Every structure is written in structure tokens, then in C-alpha cells.
Amino acid sequence: MLFTDVSSDEVNDAIEQGIELILPGEIPKRKTKTPRKDTPPKDPATLTLEETNKIREELGLKPLPSEKISPNKSIRSGSRQRNANLVQAVLCILKELDPESLEMVGNAVRNRLDSL
């Protein structure tokens, strides 16, 4: 039902009550749940499949099938993988550097090792 004769007092009352006002021809906004202020937001990396699919559903996305999700890895193995990726990247970059740049990198590596 569309009401076109609305007073400014009625509009103000509706705003104070938290009622969403939609103008004629305007598309209503999707309602999303806001997290409670007394609980900190969860780290997205630690969400379960069920929690992820619930969020995806709220956003209008299809749920992720369980067979597409790899088993949880420990943080330690993730850290090892990250280090392996960084070492591989550094080695690839070293192949591209000229002798002067390699000397600078060598000095930086020695300084870093000395500081450890």
C-alpha cells in the first residue's frame, strides 16, 4: 500500500522508530544483520563452513559445497607455506638483479641475520 499524503511529523516519527522509508520508485535496501556491539567480530579465517554459508545466504549467494572446502590446516603449516612462497619469490627476483643490486640485497640479508 502506498501513502502519498504524509506529514513531516509522520516522517520524523517513522525515522525515530527506525522504520525504513521508501520513496515511490525507489528500490528497498536489503536488510543485513549487524553484529552485536558487545561481541567482537569473528576473524573470517576462522569461520566454519556453516557460518560462512549462513553469511553467504544473507548476502544472496549460493552456499559453498562441503566437498569444495579443503580440510583445516594448522596455522603452523600455513606459516611454513607462506615462508616457502616468500623464499621462492625472492629467489626469482634475485635472478633478475644486476651485480650492484645483488650486493645491496646481500648487505641487507647480512644486517637482518645479525639482528636476529
C-alpha atoms as a PDB file:
ATOM      1  CA  MET A   1       0.000   0.000   0.000  1.00  0.00           C
ATOM      2  CA  LEU A   2       1.407   3.384  -0.985  1.00  0.00           C
ATOM      3  CA  PHE A   3       0.699   6.508   1.022  1.00  0.00           C
ATOM      4  CA  THR A   4       1.373   9.752  -0.782  1.00  0.00           C
ATOM      5  CA  ASP A   5      -0.042  12.202   1.745  1.00  0.00           C
ATOM      6  CA  VAL A   6       2.370  12.008   4.657  1.00  0.00           C
ATOM      7  CA  SER A   7       3.118  14.858   7.004  1.00  0.00           C
ATOM      8  CA  SER A   8       6.623  15.798   8.072  1.00  0.00           C
ATOM      9  CA  ASP A   9       5.691  14.842  11.654  1.00  0.00           C
ATOM     10  CA  GLU A  10       4.805  11.325  10.480  1.00  0.00           C
ATOM     11  CA  VAL A  11       8.097  11.080   8.602  1.00  0.00           C
ATOM     12  CA  ASN A  12      10.050  12.225  11.678  1.00  0.00           C
ATOM     13  CA  ASP A  13       8.173   9.741  13.887  1.00  0.00           C
ATOM     14  CA  ALA A  14       8.943   6.909  11.450  1.00  0.00           C
ATOM     15  CA  ILE A  15      12.640   7.838  11.396  1.00  0.00           C
ATOM     16  CA  GLU A  16      12.775   7.901  15.198  1.00  0.00           C
ATOM     17  CA  GLN A  17      11.167   4.454  15.310  1.00  0.00           C
ATOM     18  CA  GLY A  18      13.730   3.096  12.839  1.00  0.00           C
ATOM     19  CA  ILE A  19      11.205   2.430  10.111  1.00  0.00           C
ATOM     20  CA  GLU A  20      12.733   2.267   6.643  1.00  0.00           C
ATOM     21  CA  LEU A  21      11.235   4.919   4.401  1.00  0.00           C
ATOM     22  CA  ILE A  22      10.960   4.120   0.723  1.00  0.00           C
ATOM     23  CA  LEU A  23      10.150   6.783  -1.804  1.00  0.00           C
ATOM     24  CA  PRO A  24       7.941   5.913  -4.783  1.00  0.00           C
ATOM     25  CA  GLY A  25      10.076   4.300  -7.486  1.00  0.00           C
ATOM     26  CA  GLU A  26      12.916   3.594  -5.035  1.00  0.00           C
ATOM     27  CA  ILE A  27      14.218   0.063  -4.593  1.00  0.00           C
ATOM     28  CA  PRO A  28      14.237  -1.042  -0.950  1.00  0.00           C
ATOM     29  CA  LYS A  29      17.633  -1.756   0.575  1.00  0.00           C
ATOM     30  CA  ARG A  30      18.489  -5.276   1.649  1.00  0.00           C
ATOM     31  CA  LYS A  31      18.390  -5.790   5.331  1.00  0.00           C
ATOM     32  CA  THR A  32      21.572  -7.238   6.754  1.00  0.00           C
ATOM     33  CA  LYS A  33      22.177  -8.280  10.280  1.00  0.00           C
ATOM     34  CA  THR A  34      24.512  -6.023  12.167  1.00  0.00           C
ATOM     35  CA  PRO A  35      26.842  -7.693  14.619  1.00  0.00           C
ATOM     36  CA  ARG A  36      26.099  -7.159  18.267  1.00  0.00           C
ATOM     37  CA  LYS A  37      28.226  -4.427  19.755  1.00  0.00           C
ATOM     38  CA  ASP A  38      29.112  -6.449  22.846  1.00  0.00           C
ATOM     39  CA  THR A  39      30.756  -9.272  20.855  1.00  0.00           C
ATOM     40  CA  PRO A  40      33.842  -8.672  18.717  1.00  0.00           C
ATOM     41  CA  PRO A  41      33.580  -9.706  15.052  1.00  0.00           C
ATOM     42  CA  LYS A  42      34.989 -13.119  14.226  1.00  0.00           C
ATOM     43  CA  ASP A  43      38.128 -13.448  12.164  1.00  0.00           C
ATOM     44  CA  PRO A  44      36.939 -14.535   8.677  1.00  0.00           C
ATOM     45  CA  ALA A  45      39.752 -17.074   8.512  1.00  0.00           C
ATOM     46  CA  THR A  46      38.293 -18.969  11.485  1.00  0.00           C
ATOM     47  CA  LEU A  47      34.659 -19.205  10.346  1.00  0.00           C
ATOM     48  CA  THR A  48      33.191 -22.666   9.995  1.00  0.00           C
ATOM     49  CA  LEU A  49      31.580 -23.794   6.752  1.00  0.00           C
ATOM     50  CA  GLU A  50      28.147 -23.417   8.352  1.00  0.00           C
ATOM     51  CA  GLU A  51      28.903 -19.846   9.480  1.00  0.00           C
ATOM     52  CA  THR A  52      30.288 -18.973   6.058  1.00  0.00           C
ATOM     53  CA  ASN A  53      27.231 -20.378   4.284  1.00  0.00           C
ATOM     54  CA  LYS A  54      24.913 -18.511   6.644  1.00  0.00           C
ATOM     55  CA  ILE A  55      26.657 -15.232   5.741  1.00  0.00           C
ATOM     56  CA  ARG A  56      26.580 -16.133   2.037  1.00  0.00           C
ATOM     57  CA  GLU A  57      22.843 -16.828   2.320  1.00  0.00           C
ATOM     58  CA  GLU A  58      22.258 -13.426   3.965  1.00  0.00           C
ATOM     59  CA  LEU A  59      24.133 -11.823   1.057  1.00  0.00           C
ATOM     60  CA  GLY A  60      22.049 -13.692  -1.507  1.00  0.00           C
ATOM     61  CA  LEU A  61      24.909 -16.003  -2.562  1.00  0.00           C
ATOM     62  CA  LYS A  62      24.831 -19.754  -3.055  1.00  0.00           C
ATOM     63  CA  PRO A  63      26.277 -21.824  -0.195  1.00  0.00           C
ATOM     64  CA  LEU A  64      29.683 -23.441  -0.639  1.00  0.00           C
ATOM     65  CA  PRO A  65      29.521 -27.221  -1.045  1.00  0.00           C
ATOM     66  CA  SER A  66      31.472 -29.103   1.617  1.00  0.00           C
ATOM     67  CA  GLU A  67      33.435 -31.098  -0.970  1.00  0.00           C
ATOM     68  CA  LYS A  68      34.956 -27.858  -2.322  1.00  0.00           C
ATOM     69  CA  ILE A  69      36.449 -26.942   1.059  1.00  0.00           C
ATOM     70  CA  SER A  70      39.917 -28.240   1.860  1.00  0.00           C
ATOM     71  CA  PRO A  71      40.458 -29.638   5.343  1.00  0.00           C
ATOM     72  CA  ASN A  72      41.622 -27.185   8.006  1.00  0.00           C
ATOM     73  CA  LYS A  73      45.354 -26.708   8.170  1.00  0.00           C
ATOM     74  CA  SER A  74      47.148 -25.645  11.260  1.00  0.00           C
ATOM     75  CA  ILE A  75      48.485 -22.097  11.483  1.00  0.00           C
ATOM     76  CA  ARG A  76      51.997 -23.515  11.660  1.00  0.00           C
ATOM     77  CA  SER A  77      51.687 -25.284   8.284  1.00  0.00           C
ATOM     78  CA  GLY A  78      50.172 -22.120   6.819  1.00  0.00           C
ATOM     79  CA  SER A  79      53.152 -20.166   8.116  1.00  0.00           C
ATOM     80  CA  ARG A  80      55.547 -22.679   6.566  1.00  0.00           C
ATOM     81  CA  GLN A  81      53.738 -22.435   3.244  1.00  0.00           C
ATOM     82  CA  ARG A  82      53.867 -18.629   3.368  1.00  0.00           C
ATOM     83  CA  ASN A  83      57.617 -18.727   4.054  1.00  0.00           C
ATOM     84  CA  ALA A  84      58.145 -21.200   1.211  1.00  0.00           C
ATOM     85  CA  ASN A  85      56.243 -18.879  -1.129  1.00  0.00           C
ATOM     86  CA  LEU A  86      58.309 -15.879   0.004  1.00  0.00           C
ATOM     87  CA  VAL A  87      61.597 -17.734  -0.481  1.00  0.00           C
ATOM     88  CA  GLN A  88      60.525 -18.800  -3.971  1.00  0.00           C
ATOM     89  CA  ALA A  89      59.588 -15.210  -4.846  1.00  0.00           C
ATOM     90  CA  VAL A  90      62.895 -13.840  -3.528  1.00  0.00           C
ATOM     91  CA  LEU A  91      64.882 -16.417  -5.490  1.00  0.00           C
ATOM     92  CA  CYS A  92      63.021 -15.492  -8.673  1.00  0.00           C
ATOM     93  CA  ILE A  93      63.700 -11.789  -8.086  1.00  0.00           C
ATOM     94  CA  LEU A  94      67.391 -12.427  -7.404  1.00  0.00           C
ATOM     95  CA  LYS A  95      67.774 -13.880 -10.903  1.00  0.00           C
ATOM     96  CA  GLU A  96      66.679 -10.514 -12.344  1.00  0.00           C
ATOM     97  CA  LEU A  97      69.009  -8.236 -10.347  1.00  0.00           C
ATOM     98  CA  ASP A  98      72.270  -6.711 -11.581  1.00  0.00           C
ATOM     99  CA  PRO A  99      75.510  -7.144  -9.564  1.00  0.00           C
ATOM    100  CA  GLU A 100      75.165  -3.804  -7.749  1.00  0.00           C
ATOM    101  CA  SER A 101      71.599  -4.602  -6.668  1.00  0.00           C
ATOM    102  CA  LEU A 102      72.655  -8.105  -5.587  1.00  0.00           C
ATOM    103  CA  GLU A 103      75.328  -6.586  -3.365  1.00  0.00           C
ATOM    104  CA  MET A 104      72.715  -4.313  -1.750  1.00  0.00           C
ATOM    105  CA  VAL A 105      70.446  -7.303  -1.132  1.00  0.00           C
ATOM    106  CA  GLY A 106      73.390  -9.273   0.299  1.00  0.00           C
ATOM    107  CA  ASN A 107      74.158  -6.454   2.739  1.00  0.00           C
ATOM    108  CA  ALA A 108      70.501  -6.264   3.781  1.00  0.00           C
ATOM    109  CA  VAL A 109      70.435 -10.032   4.367  1.00  0.00           C
ATOM    110  CA  ARG A 110      73.626  -9.892   6.485  1.00  0.00           C
ATOM    111  CA  ASN A 111      72.201  -6.998   8.547  1.00  0.00           C
ATOM    112  CA  ARG A 112      68.967  -8.905   9.105  1.00  0.00           C
ATOM    113  CA  LEU A 113      70.791 -12.060  10.156  1.00  0.00           C
ATOM    114  CA  ASP A 114      72.982 -10.058  12.543  1.00  0.00           C
ATOM    115  CA  SER A 115      69.887  -8.534  14.152  1.00  0.00           C
ATOM    116  CA  LEU A 116      68.302 -11.939  14.847  1.00  0.00           C
END
